[in-house]
Amino acid sequence: MEEMYEEEPRSRPRIGRKGYIKRWLILIAVGVVVGVGQAVAEPLLPADFGGVVSLGVLVFYGLPALIISVAWTMRRFTDAGRDEAWALLLVLPVVNIATAIVAASLPSREDAQAD
């Protein structure tokens, strides 16, 4: 006879305020290092190659950073008990900074156990 098990509902992943701010600071620091590396490398390369470096930075840092930051912000809004869809505002210039600041300033829900 088969035993039936009830699965516990999965809780959404969350990030607390401190963890969110730490992750953003690391992402910004990596961005500064990548930007300095690009600024140093471009003058040393042939003129036709500079655009390739910029495209490489966009593809290998810019897009992954955007995807990661949207995922982190979705988790942060979940932790704060808000709708995750607000995190999509990160793709809009200028609005993205305000969205990140709001996400970092929202208090966690009472039942949240995040870092």
PDB file of N, CA and C in Angstrom:
ATOM      1  N   MET A   1       0.833  -1.174   0.000  1.00  0.00           N
ATOM      2  CA  MET A   1       0.000   0.000   0.000  1.00  0.00           C
ATOM      3  C   MET A   1       0.893   1.257   0.000  1.00  0.00           C
ATOM      4  N   GLU A   2       0.572   2.179  -0.843  1.00  0.00           N
ATOM      5  CA  GLU A   2       1.374   3.386  -0.969  1.00  0.00           C
ATOM      6  C   GLU A   2       1.011   4.380   0.120  1.00  0.00           C
ATOM      7  N   GLU A   3       2.050   4.978   0.659  1.00  0.00           N
ATOM      8  CA  GLU A   3       1.822   6.024   1.644  1.00  0.00           C
ATOM      9  C   GLU A   3       1.758   7.366   0.930  1.00  0.00           C
ATOM     10  N   MET A   4       0.860   8.182   1.349  1.00  0.00           N
ATOM     11  CA  MET A   4       0.711   9.493   0.721  1.00  0.00           C
ATOM     12  C   MET A   4       1.356  10.538   1.634  1.00  0.00           C
ATOM     13  N   TYR A   5       2.174  11.340   1.029  1.00  0.00           N
ATOM     14  CA  TYR A   5       2.833  12.409   1.767  1.00  0.00           C
ATOM     15  C   TYR A   5       2.340  13.745   1.242  1.00  0.00           C
ATOM     16  N   GLU A   6       2.062  14.606   2.152  1.00  0.00           N
ATOM     17  CA  GLU A   6       1.700  15.963   1.745  1.00  0.00           C
ATOM     18  C   GLU A   6       2.980  16.783   1.677  1.00  0.00           C
ATOM     19  N   GLU A   7       3.156  17.442   0.557  1.00  0.00           N
ATOM     20  CA  GLU A   7       4.324  18.291   0.411  1.00  0.00           C
ATOM     21  C   GLU A   7       4.057  19.634   1.062  1.00  0.00           C
ATOM     22  N   GLU A   8       5.090  20.132   1.736  1.00  0.00           N
ATOM     23  CA  GLU A   8       4.976  21.447   2.334  1.00  0.00           C
ATOM     24  C   GLU A   8       5.035  22.486   1.226  1.00  0.00           C
ATOM     25  N   PRO A   9       4.258  23.537   1.338  1.00  0.00           N
ATOM     26  CA  PRO A   9       4.336  24.582   0.311  1.00  0.00           C
ATOM     27  C   PRO A   9       5.713  25.236   0.329  1.00  0.00           C
ATOM     28  N   ARG A  10       6.252  25.457  -0.848  1.00  0.00           N
ATOM     29  CA  ARG A  10       7.570  26.088  -0.936  1.00  0.00           C
ATOM     30  C   ARG A  10       7.444  27.573  -0.653  1.00  0.00           C
ATOM     31  N   SER A  11       8.352  28.037   0.150  1.00  0.00           N
ATOM     32  CA  SER A  11       8.354  29.479   0.400  1.00  0.00           C
ATOM     33  C   SER A  11       9.258  30.135  -0.640  1.00  0.00           C
ATOM     34  N   ARG A  12       8.936  31.343  -0.964  1.00  0.00           N
ATOM     35  CA  ARG A  12       9.721  32.084  -1.938  1.00  0.00           C
ATOM     36  C   ARG A  12      11.063  32.477  -1.312  1.00  0.00           C
ATOM     37  N   PRO A  13      12.139  32.460  -2.108  1.00  0.00           N
ATOM     38  CA  PRO A  13      13.427  32.896  -1.558  1.00  0.00           C
ATOM     39  C   PRO A  13      13.392  34.384  -1.214  1.00  0.00           C
ATOM     40  N   ARG A  14      14.062  34.731  -0.145  1.00  0.00           N
ATOM     41  CA  ARG A  14      14.046  36.108   0.338  1.00  0.00           C
ATOM     42  C   ARG A  14      15.463  36.604   0.578  1.00  0.00           C
ATOM     43  N   ILE A  15      15.615  37.914   0.549  1.00  0.00           N
ATOM     44  CA  ILE A  15      16.869  38.569   0.911  1.00  0.00           C
ATOM     45  C   ILE A  15      16.506  39.700   1.865  1.00  0.00           C
ATOM     46  N   GLY A  16      17.150  39.704   3.026  1.00  0.00           N
ATOM     47  CA  GLY A  16      16.937  40.786   3.978  1.00  0.00           C
ATOM     48  C   GLY A  16      17.603  42.071   3.513  1.00  0.00           C
ATOM     49  N   ARG A  17      17.371  43.136   4.247  1.00  0.00           N
ATOM     50  CA  ARG A  17      17.933  44.437   3.850  1.00  0.00           C
ATOM     51  C   ARG A  17      19.444  44.437   3.822  1.00  0.00           C
ATOM     52  N   LYS A  18      20.075  43.918   4.870  1.00  0.00           N
ATOM     53  CA  LYS A  18      21.542  43.921   4.915  1.00  0.00           C
ATOM     54  C   LYS A  18      22.135  43.085   3.789  1.00  0.00           C
ATOM     55  N   GLY A  19      21.562  41.923   3.548  1.00  0.00           N
ATOM     56  CA  GLY A  19      22.048  41.073   2.477  1.00  0.00           C
ATOM     57  C   GLY A  19      21.885  41.720   1.109  1.00  0.00           C
ATOM     58  N   TYR A  20      20.773  42.417   0.914  1.00  0.00           N
ATOM     59  CA  TYR A  20      20.503  43.102  -0.347  1.00  0.00           C
ATOM     60  C   TYR A  20      21.528  44.207  -0.586  1.00  0.00           C
ATOM     61  N   ILE A  21      21.777  45.001   0.443  1.00  0.00           N
ATOM     62  CA  ILE A  21      22.731  46.103   0.309  1.00  0.00           C
ATOM     63  C   ILE A  21      24.136  45.560   0.070  1.00  0.00           C
ATOM     64  N   LYS A  22      24.523  44.501   0.780  1.00  0.00           N
ATOM     65  CA  LYS A  22      25.851  43.894   0.576  1.00  0.00           C
ATOM     66  C   LYS A  22      26.013  43.415  -0.857  1.00  0.00           C
ATOM     67  N   ARG A  23      25.010  42.737  -1.368  1.00  0.00           N
ATOM     68  CA  ARG A  23      25.082  42.225  -2.742  1.00  0.00           C
ATOM     69  C   ARG A  23      25.209  43.361  -3.758  1.00  0.00           C
ATOM     70  N   TRP A  24      24.458  44.451  -3.539  1.00  0.00           N
ATOM     71  CA  TRP A  24      24.550  45.593  -4.449  1.00  0.00           C
ATOM     72  C   TRP A  24      25.928  46.231  -4.389  1.00  0.00           C
ATOM     73  N   LEU A  25      26.494  46.359  -3.198  1.00  0.00           N
ATOM     74  CA  LEU A  25      27.823  46.950  -3.079  1.00  0.00           C
ATOM     75  C   LEU A  25      28.872  46.100  -3.790  1.00  0.00           C
ATOM     76  N   ILE A  26      28.757  44.783  -3.693  1.00  0.00           N
ATOM     77  CA  ILE A  26      29.679  43.895  -4.405  1.00  0.00           C
ATOM     78  C   ILE A  26      29.508  44.050  -5.905  1.00  0.00           C
ATOM     79  N   LEU A  27      28.270  44.104  -6.375  1.00  0.00           N
ATOM     80  CA  LEU A  27      28.003  44.267  -7.809  1.00  0.00           C
ATOM     81  C   LEU A  27      28.561  45.597  -8.325  1.00  0.00           C
ATOM     82  N   ILE A  28      28.420  46.655  -7.542  1.00  0.00           N
ATOM     83  CA  ILE A  28      28.953  47.960  -7.935  1.00  0.00           C
ATOM     84  C   ILE A  28      30.482  47.925  -7.956  1.00  0.00           C
ATOM     85  N   ALA A  29      31.094  47.282  -6.950  1.00  0.00           N
ATOM     86  CA  ALA A  29      32.557  47.193  -6.915  1.00  0.00           C
ATOM     87  C   ALA A  29      33.095  46.422  -8.119  1.00  0.00           C
ATOM     88  N   VAL A  30      32.441  45.334  -8.475  1.00  0.00           N
ATOM     89  CA  VAL A  30      32.852  44.572  -9.650  1.00  0.00           C
ATOM     90  C   VAL A  30      32.686  45.428 -10.905  1.00  0.00           C
ATOM     91  N   GLY A  31      31.612  46.197 -10.980  1.00  0.00           N
ATOM     92  CA  GLY A  31      31.392  47.085 -12.116  1.00  0.00           C
ATOM     93  C   GLY A  31      32.482  48.140 -12.244  1.00  0.00           C
ATOM     94  N   VAL A  32      32.935  48.670 -11.116  1.00  0.00           N
ATOM     95  CA  VAL A  32      34.022  49.654 -11.139  1.00  0.00           C
ATOM     96  C   VAL A  32      35.304  49.009 -11.648  1.00  0.00           C
ATOM     97  N   VAL A  33      35.610  47.813 -11.171  1.00  0.00           N
ATOM     98  CA  VAL A  33      36.812  47.108 -11.622  1.00  0.00           C
ATOM     99  C   VAL A  33      36.740  46.817 -13.120  1.00  0.00           C
ATOM    100  N   VAL A  34      35.581  46.365 -13.583  1.00  0.00           N
ATOM    101  CA  VAL A  34      35.406  46.083 -15.017  1.00  0.00           C
ATOM    102  C   VAL A  34      35.546  47.371 -15.828  1.00  0.00           C
ATOM    103  N   GLY A  35      34.957  48.454 -15.351  1.00  0.00           N
ATOM    104  CA  GLY A  35      35.042  49.731 -16.052  1.00  0.00           C
ATOM    105  C   GLY A  35      36.461  50.265 -16.131  1.00  0.00           C
ATOM    106  N   VAL A  36      37.209  50.158 -15.031  1.00  0.00           N
ATOM    107  CA  VAL A  36      38.609  50.594 -15.030  1.00  0.00           C
ATOM    108  C   VAL A  36      39.422  49.719 -15.980  1.00  0.00           C
ATOM    109  N   GLY A  37      39.166  48.414 -15.938  1.00  0.00           N
ATOM    110  CA  GLY A  37      39.868  47.509 -16.856  1.00  0.00           C
ATOM    111  C   GLY A  37      39.586  47.845 -18.309  1.00  0.00           C
ATOM    112  N   GLN A  38      38.355  48.178 -18.602  1.00  0.00           N
ATOM    113  CA  GLN A  38      37.993  48.560 -19.970  1.00  0.00           C
ATOM    114  C   GLN A  38      38.678  49.869 -20.356  1.00  0.00           C
ATOM    115  N   ALA A  39      38.692  50.834 -19.456  1.00  0.00           N
ATOM    116  CA  ALA A  39      39.317  52.128 -19.749  1.00  0.00           C
ATOM    117  C   ALA A  39      40.821  51.991 -19.969  1.00  0.00           C
ATOM    118  N   VAL A  40      41.451  51.066 -19.259  1.00  0.00           N
ATOM    119  CA  VAL A  40      42.886  50.839 -19.416  1.00  0.00           C
ATOM    120  C   VAL A  40      43.168  50.065 -20.702  1.00  0.00           C
ATOM    121  N   ALA A  41      42.339  49.099 -21.022  1.00  0.00           N
ATOM    122  CA  ALA A  41      42.590  48.219 -22.164  1.00  0.00           C
ATOM    123  C   ALA A  41      42.312  48.880 -23.506  1.00  0.00           C
ATOM    124  N   GLU A  42      41.280  49.701 -23.605  1.00  0.00           N
ATOM    125  CA  GLU A  42      40.889  50.253 -24.909  1.00  0.00           C
ATOM    126  C   GLU A  42      41.974  51.087 -25.588  1.00  0.00           C
ATOM    127  N   PRO A  43      42.698  51.975 -24.886  1.00  0.00           N
ATOM    128  CA  PRO A  43      43.739  52.737 -25.581  1.00  0.00           C
ATOM    129  C   PRO A  43      44.910  51.876 -26.058  1.00  0.00           C
ATOM    130  N   LEU A  44      45.094  50.739 -25.438  1.00  0.00           N
ATOM    131  CA  LEU A  44      46.216  49.864 -25.810  1.00  0.00           C
ATOM    132  C   LEU A  44      45.898  48.995 -27.025  1.00  0.00           C
ATOM    133  N   LEU A  45      44.644  48.936 -27.408  1.00  0.00           N
ATOM    134  CA  LEU A  45      44.225  48.079 -28.513  1.00  0.00           C
ATOM    135  C   LEU A  45      44.117  48.873 -29.807  1.00  0.00           C
ATOM    136  N   PRO A  46      44.157  48.182 -30.943  1.00  0.00           N
ATOM    137  CA  PRO A  46      43.941  48.888 -32.216  1.00  0.00           C
ATOM    138  C   PRO A  46      42.577  49.576 -32.232  1.00  0.00           C
ATOM    139  N   ALA A  47      42.459  50.625 -33.014  1.00  0.00           N
ATOM    140  CA  ALA A  47      41.242  51.448 -33.042  1.00  0.00           C
ATOM    141  C   ALA A  47      39.993  50.646 -33.366  1.00  0.00           C
ATOM    142  N   ASP A  48      40.116  49.679 -34.252  1.00  0.00           N
ATOM    143  CA  ASP A  48      38.940  48.888 -34.640  1.00  0.00           C
ATOM    144  C   ASP A  48      38.501  47.909 -33.559  1.00  0.00           C
ATOM    145  N   PHE A  49      39.340  47.653 -32.604  1.00  0.00           N
ATOM    146  CA  PHE A  49      39.059  46.636 -31.599  1.00  0.00           C
ATOM    147  C   PHE A  49      38.339  47.189 -30.371  1.00  0.00           C
ATOM    148  N   GLY A  50      38.311  48.512 -30.199  1.00  0.00           N
ATOM    149  CA  GLY A  50      37.692  49.121 -29.020  1.00  0.00           C
ATOM    150  C   GLY A  50      36.220  48.802 -28.881  1.00  0.00           C
ATOM    151  N   GLY A  51      35.504  48.782 -29.985  1.00  0.00           N
ATOM    152  CA  GLY A  51      34.078  48.458 -29.938  1.00  0.00           C
ATOM    153  C   GLY A  51      33.822  47.038 -29.501  1.00  0.00           C
ATOM    154  N   VAL A  52      34.735  46.146 -29.851  1.00  0.00           N
ATOM    155  CA  VAL A  52      34.598  44.747 -29.442  1.00  0.00           C
ATOM    156  C   VAL A  52      34.724  44.620 -27.923  1.00  0.00           C
ATOM    157  N   VAL A  53      35.627  45.395 -27.339  1.00  0.00           N
ATOM    158  CA  VAL A  53      35.789  45.371 -25.881  1.00  0.00           C
ATOM    159  C   VAL A  53      34.515  45.881 -25.212  1.00  0.00           C
ATOM    160  N   SER A  54      33.948  46.972 -25.726  1.00  0.00           N
ATOM    161  CA  SER A  54      32.709  47.508 -25.159  1.00  0.00           C
ATOM    162  C   SER A  54      31.566  46.505 -25.267  1.00  0.00           C
ATOM    163  N   LEU A  55      31.467  45.853 -26.404  1.00  0.00           N
ATOM    164  CA  LEU A  55      30.426  44.836 -26.591  1.00  0.00           C
ATOM    165  C   LEU A  55      30.645  43.664 -25.635  1.00  0.00           C
ATOM    166  N   GLY A  56      31.898  43.273 -25.448  1.00  0.00           N
ATOM    167  CA  GLY A  56      32.214  42.186 -24.519  1.00  0.00           C
ATOM    168  C   GLY A  56      31.832  42.527 -23.090  1.00  0.00           C
ATOM    169  N   VAL A  57      32.096  43.774 -22.688  1.00  0.00           N
ATOM    170  CA  VAL A  57      31.725  44.209 -21.338  1.00  0.00           C
ATOM    171  C   VAL A  57      30.208  44.182 -21.179  1.00  0.00           C
ATOM    172  N   LEU A  58      29.491  44.633 -22.205  1.00  0.00           N
ATOM    173  CA  LEU A  58      28.033  44.616 -22.149  1.00  0.00           C
ATOM    174  C   LEU A  58      27.501  43.191 -22.033  1.00  0.00           C
ATOM    175  N   VAL A  59      28.015  42.290 -22.859  1.00  0.00           N
ATOM    176  CA  VAL A  59      27.508  40.916 -22.895  1.00  0.00           C
ATOM    177  C   VAL A  59      27.922  40.129 -21.657  1.00  0.00           C
ATOM    178  N   PHE A  60      29.183  40.270 -21.230  1.00  0.00           N
ATOM    179  CA  PHE A  60      29.681  39.427 -20.144  1.00  0.00           C
ATOM    180  C   PHE A  60      29.561  40.038 -18.758  1.00  0.00           C
ATOM    181  N   TYR A  61      29.276  41.339 -18.669  1.00  0.00           N
ATOM    182  CA  TYR A  61      29.035  41.937 -17.358  1.00  0.00           C
ATOM    183  C   TYR A  61      27.662  42.613 -17.284  1.00  0.00           C
ATOM    184  N   GLY A  62      27.337  43.449 -18.238  1.00  0.00           N
ATOM    185  CA  GLY A  62      26.122  44.256 -18.169  1.00  0.00           C
ATOM    186  C   GLY A  62      24.837  43.454 -18.105  1.00  0.00           C
ATOM    187  N   LEU A  63      24.653  42.552 -19.051  1.00  0.00           N
ATOM    188  CA  LEU A  63      23.418  41.754 -19.067  1.00  0.00           C
ATOM    189  C   LEU A  63      23.310  40.812 -17.873  1.00  0.00           C
ATOM    190  N   PRO A  64      24.376  40.074 -17.524  1.00  0.00           N
ATOM    191  CA  PRO A  64      24.264  39.240 -16.318  1.00  0.00           C
ATOM    192  C   PRO A  64      24.003  40.064 -15.050  1.00  0.00           C
ATOM    193  N   ALA A  65      24.633  41.231 -14.948  1.00  0.00           N
ATOM    194  CA  ALA A  65      24.401  42.082 -13.773  1.00  0.00           C
ATOM    195  C   ALA A  65      22.949  42.543 -13.707  1.00  0.00           C
ATOM    196  N   LEU A  66      22.361  42.860 -14.844  1.00  0.00           N
ATOM    197  CA  LEU A  66      20.955  43.264 -14.874  1.00  0.00           C
ATOM    198  C   LEU A  66      20.047  42.117 -14.441  1.00  0.00           C
ATOM    199  N   ILE A  67      20.294  40.943 -14.981  1.00  0.00           N
ATOM    200  CA  ILE A  67      19.469  39.775 -14.630  1.00  0.00           C
ATOM    201  C   ILE A  67      19.594  39.444 -13.146  1.00  0.00           C
ATOM    202  N   ILE A  68      20.824  39.461 -12.648  1.00  0.00           N
ATOM    203  CA  ILE A  68      21.064  39.158 -11.233  1.00  0.00           C
ATOM    204  C   ILE A  68      20.397  40.205 -10.342  1.00  0.00           C
ATOM    205  N   SER A  69      20.525  41.474 -10.700  1.00  0.00           N
ATOM    206  CA  SER A  69      19.942  42.521  -9.856  1.00  0.00           C
ATOM    207  C   SER A  69      18.416  42.460  -9.848  1.00  0.00           C
ATOM    208  N   VAL A  70      17.800  42.099 -10.960  1.00  0.00           N
ATOM    209  CA  VAL A  70      16.340  41.934 -10.980  1.00  0.00           C
ATOM    210  C   VAL A  70      15.945  40.768 -10.073  1.00  0.00           C
ATOM    211  N   ALA A  71      16.693  39.668 -10.142  1.00  0.00           N
ATOM    212  CA  ALA A  71      16.387  38.511  -9.287  1.00  0.00           C
ATOM    213  C   ALA A  71      16.538  38.867  -7.807  1.00  0.00           C
ATOM    214  N   TRP A  72      17.617  39.567  -7.445  1.00  0.00           N
ATOM    215  CA  TRP A  72      17.803  39.974  -6.055  1.00  0.00           C
ATOM    216  C   TRP A  72      16.686  40.890  -5.594  1.00  0.00           C
ATOM    217  N   THR A  73      16.284  41.817  -6.445  1.00  0.00           N
ATOM    218  CA  THR A  73      15.244  42.772  -6.063  1.00  0.00           C
ATOM    219  C   THR A  73      13.892  42.080  -5.936  1.00  0.00           C
ATOM    220  N   MET A  74      13.643  41.085  -6.783  1.00  0.00           N
ATOM    221  CA  MET A  74      12.410  40.298  -6.631  1.00  0.00           C
ATOM    222  C   MET A  74      12.397  39.610  -5.271  1.00  0.00           C
ATOM    223  N   ARG A  75      13.522  39.034  -4.880  1.00  0.00           N
ATOM    224  CA  ARG A  75      13.611  38.381  -3.565  1.00  0.00           C
ATOM    225  C   ARG A  75      13.432  39.388  -2.429  1.00  0.00           C
ATOM    226  N   ARG A  76      13.990  40.580  -2.622  1.00  0.00           N
ATOM    227  CA  ARG A  76      13.870  41.608  -1.589  1.00  0.00           C
ATOM    228  C   ARG A  76      12.418  42.055  -1.435  1.00  0.00           C
ATOM    229  N   PHE A  77      11.717  42.261  -2.559  1.00  0.00           N
ATOM    230  CA  PHE A  77      10.304  42.637  -2.482  1.00  0.00           C
ATOM    231  C   PHE A  77       9.472  41.513  -1.858  1.00  0.00           C
ATOM    232  N   THR A  78       9.823  40.269  -2.136  1.00  0.00           N
ATOM    233  CA  THR A  78       9.142  39.140  -1.502  1.00  0.00           C
ATOM    234  C   THR A  78       9.335  39.194   0.011  1.00  0.00           C
ATOM    235  N   ASP A  79      10.573  39.464   0.438  1.00  0.00           N
ATOM    236  CA  ASP A  79      10.876  39.551   1.863  1.00  0.00           C
ATOM    237  C   ASP A  79      10.077  40.667   2.528  1.00  0.00           C
ATOM    238  N   ALA A  80       9.847  41.739   1.783  1.00  0.00           N
ATOM    239  CA  ALA A  80       9.112  42.879   2.338  1.00  0.00           C
ATOM    240  C   ALA A  80       7.602  42.719   2.205  1.00  0.00           C
ATOM    241  N   GLY A  81       7.158  41.620   1.587  1.00  0.00           N
ATOM    242  CA  GLY A  81       5.730  41.391   1.441  1.00  0.00           C
ATOM    243  C   GLY A  81       5.103  42.202   0.321  1.00  0.00           C
ATOM    244  N   ARG A  82       5.903  42.632  -0.628  1.00  0.00           N
ATOM    245  CA  ARG A  82       5.406  43.413  -1.765  1.00  0.00           C
ATOM    246  C   ARG A  82       5.388  42.551  -3.020  1.00  0.00           C
ATOM    247  N   ASP A  83       4.743  43.028  -4.055  1.00  0.00           N
ATOM    248  CA  ASP A  83       4.662  42.315  -5.320  1.00  0.00           C
ATOM    249  C   ASP A  83       6.032  42.303  -6.010  1.00  0.00           C
ATOM    250  N   GLU A  84       6.448  41.123  -6.456  1.00  0.00           N
ATOM    251  CA  GLU A  84       7.755  40.967  -7.102  1.00  0.00           C
ATOM    252  C   GLU A  84       7.853  41.720  -8.420  1.00  0.00           C
ATOM    253  N   ALA A  85       6.741  41.988  -9.054  1.00  0.00           N
ATOM    254  CA  ALA A  85       6.750  42.652 -10.365  1.00  0.00           C
ATOM    255  C   ALA A  85       7.394  44.037 -10.305  1.00  0.00           C
ATOM    256  N   TRP A  86       7.431  44.659  -9.134  1.00  0.00           N
ATOM    257  CA  TRP A  86       8.068  45.966  -8.998  1.00  0.00           C
ATOM    258  C   TRP A  86       9.547  45.906  -9.372  1.00  0.00           C
ATOM    259  N   ALA A  87      10.155  44.750  -9.252  1.00  0.00           N
ATOM    260  CA  ALA A  87      11.576  44.606  -9.570  1.00  0.00           C
ATOM    261  C   ALA A  87      11.856  44.845 -11.051  1.00  0.00           C
ATOM    262  N   LEU A  88      10.864  44.696 -11.887  1.00  0.00           N
ATOM    263  CA  LEU A  88      11.056  44.913 -13.318  1.00  0.00           C
ATOM    264  C   LEU A  88      11.350  46.373 -13.655  1.00  0.00           C
ATOM    265  N   LEU A  89      11.101  47.276 -12.716  1.00  0.00           N
ATOM    266  CA  LEU A  89      11.441  48.680 -12.933  1.00  0.00           C
ATOM    267  C   LEU A  89      12.954  48.900 -13.025  1.00  0.00           C
ATOM    268  N   LEU A  90      13.735  47.896 -12.646  1.00  0.00           N
ATOM    269  CA  LEU A  90      15.193  48.025 -12.731  1.00  0.00           C
ATOM    270  C   LEU A  90      15.694  48.139 -14.166  1.00  0.00           C
ATOM    271  N   VAL A  91      14.896  47.757 -15.137  1.00  0.00           N
ATOM    272  CA  VAL A  91      15.346  47.848 -16.532  1.00  0.00           C
ATOM    273  C   VAL A  91      15.185  49.267 -17.086  1.00  0.00           C
ATOM    274  N   LEU A  92      14.534  50.154 -16.350  1.00  0.00           N
ATOM    275  CA  LEU A  92      14.333  51.535 -16.810  1.00  0.00           C
ATOM    276  C   LEU A  92      15.416  52.442 -16.232  1.00  0.00           C
ATOM    277  N   PRO A  93      16.098  53.198 -17.092  1.00  0.00           N
ATOM    278  CA  PRO A  93      17.126  54.119 -16.591  1.00  0.00           C
ATOM    279  C   PRO A  93      16.523  55.132 -15.615  1.00  0.00           C
ATOM    280  N   VAL A  94      17.287  55.545 -14.649  1.00  0.00           N
ATOM    281  CA  VAL A  94      16.951  56.491 -13.582  1.00  0.00           C
ATOM    282  C   VAL A  94      15.945  55.885 -12.597  1.00  0.00           C
ATOM    283  N   VAL A  95      14.884  55.291 -13.095  1.00  0.00           N
ATOM    284  CA  VAL A  95      13.895  54.648 -12.220  1.00  0.00           C
ATOM    285  C   VAL A  95      14.547  53.480 -11.484  1.00  0.00           C
ATOM    286  N   ASN A  96      15.546  52.849 -12.100  1.00  0.00           N
ATOM    287  CA  ASN A  96      16.192  51.698 -11.479  1.00  0.00           C
ATOM    288  C   ASN A  96      16.879  52.069 -10.158  1.00  0.00           C
ATOM    289  N   ILE A  97      17.468  53.242 -10.098  1.00  0.00           N
ATOM    290  CA  ILE A  97      18.142  53.664  -8.870  1.00  0.00           C
ATOM    291  C   ILE A  97      17.115  53.856  -7.754  1.00  0.00           C
ATOM    292  N   ALA A  98      16.019  54.511  -8.077  1.00  0.00           N
ATOM    293  CA  ALA A  98      14.962  54.717  -7.082  1.00  0.00           C
ATOM    294  C   ALA A  98      14.368  53.389  -6.625  1.00  0.00           C
ATOM    295  N   THR A  99      14.198  52.448  -7.552  1.00  0.00           N
ATOM    296  CA  THR A  99      13.652  51.131  -7.209  1.00  0.00           C
ATOM    297  C   THR A  99      14.578  50.395  -6.243  1.00  0.00           C
ATOM    298  N   ALA A 100      15.881  50.435  -6.509  1.00  0.00           N
ATOM    299  CA  ALA A 100      16.838  49.772  -5.624  1.00  0.00           C
ATOM    300  C   ALA A 100      16.856  50.414  -4.243  1.00  0.00           C
ATOM    301  N   ILE A 101      16.757  51.730  -4.180  1.00  0.00           N
ATOM    302  CA  ILE A 101      16.745  52.424  -2.888  1.00  0.00           C
ATOM    303  C   ILE A 101      15.485  52.080  -2.106  1.00  0.00           C
ATOM    304  N   VAL A 102      14.347  52.059  -2.795  1.00  0.00           N
ATOM    305  CA  VAL A 102      13.086  51.692  -2.128  1.00  0.00           C
ATOM    306  C   VAL A 102      13.160  50.255  -1.624  1.00  0.00           C
ATOM    307  N   ALA A 103      13.669  49.343  -2.457  1.00  0.00           N
ATOM    308  CA  ALA A 103      13.765  47.938  -2.050  1.00  0.00           C
ATOM    309  C   ALA A 103      14.676  47.787  -0.833  1.00  0.00           C
ATOM    310  N   ALA A 104      15.762  48.549  -0.794  1.00  0.00           N
ATOM    311  CA  ALA A 104      16.694  48.463   0.333  1.00  0.00           C
ATOM    312  C   ALA A 104      16.109  49.064   1.604  1.00  0.00           C
ATOM    313  N   SER A 105      15.176  49.985   1.472  1.00  0.00           N
ATOM    314  CA  SER A 105      14.643  50.655   2.656  1.00  0.00           C
ATOM    315  C   SER A 105      13.375  50.013   3.219  1.00  0.00           C
ATOM    316  N   LEU A 106      12.748  49.111   2.469  1.00  0.00           N
ATOM    317  CA  LEU A 106      11.530  48.482   2.972  1.00  0.00           C
ATOM    318  C   LEU A 106      11.832  47.537   4.133  1.00  0.00           C
ATOM    319  N   PRO A 107      11.020  47.574   5.181  1.00  0.00           N
ATOM    320  CA  PRO A 107      11.247  46.633   6.282  1.00  0.00           C
ATOM    321  C   PRO A 107      10.812  45.216   5.887  1.00  0.00           C
ATOM    322  N   SER A 108      11.472  44.240   6.481  1.00  0.00           N
ATOM    323  CA  SER A 108      11.111  42.843   6.238  1.00  0.00           C
ATOM    324  C   SER A 108       9.791  42.541   6.923  1.00  0.00           C
ATOM    325  N   ARG A 109       9.102  41.516   6.387  1.00  0.00           N
ATOM    326  CA  ARG A 109       7.877  41.069   7.061  1.00  0.00           C
ATOM    327  C   ARG A 109       8.251  40.451   8.391  1.00  0.00           C
ATOM    328  N   GLU A 110       7.315  40.390   9.283  1.00  0.00           N
ATOM    329  CA  GLU A 110       7.557  39.863  10.622  1.00  0.00           C
ATOM    330  C   GLU A 110       8.006  38.404  10.610  1.00  0.00           C
ATOM    331  N   ASP A 111       7.457  37.615   9.692  1.00  0.00           N
ATOM    332  CA  ASP A 111       7.759  36.182   9.678  1.00  0.00           C
ATOM    333  C   ASP A 111       8.980  35.844   8.835  1.00  0.00           C
ATOM    334  N   ALA A 112       9.679  36.851   8.308  1.00  0.00           N
ATOM    335  CA  ALA A 112      10.815  36.594   7.425  1.00  0.00           C
ATOM    336  C   ALA A 112      12.047  36.161   8.233  1.00  0.00           C
ATOM    337  N   GLN A 113      12.731  35.173   7.723  1.00  0.00           N
ATOM    338  CA  GLN A 113      13.985  34.691   8.321  1.00  0.00           C
ATOM    339  C   GLN A 113      15.065  34.776   7.240  1.00  0.00           C
ATOM    340  N   ALA A 114      15.482  35.969   6.869  1.00  0.00           N
ATOM    341  CA  ALA A 114      16.462  36.152   5.796  1.00  0.00           C
ATOM    342  C   ALA A 114      17.778  36.654   6.377  1.00  0.00           C
ATOM    343  N   ASP A 115      18.827  36.674   5.492  1.00  0.00           N
ATOM    344  CA  ASP A 115      20.139  37.124   5.970  1.00  0.00           C
ATOM    345  C   ASP A 115      20.224  38.599   6.069  1.00  0.00           C
TER     346      ASP A 115
END
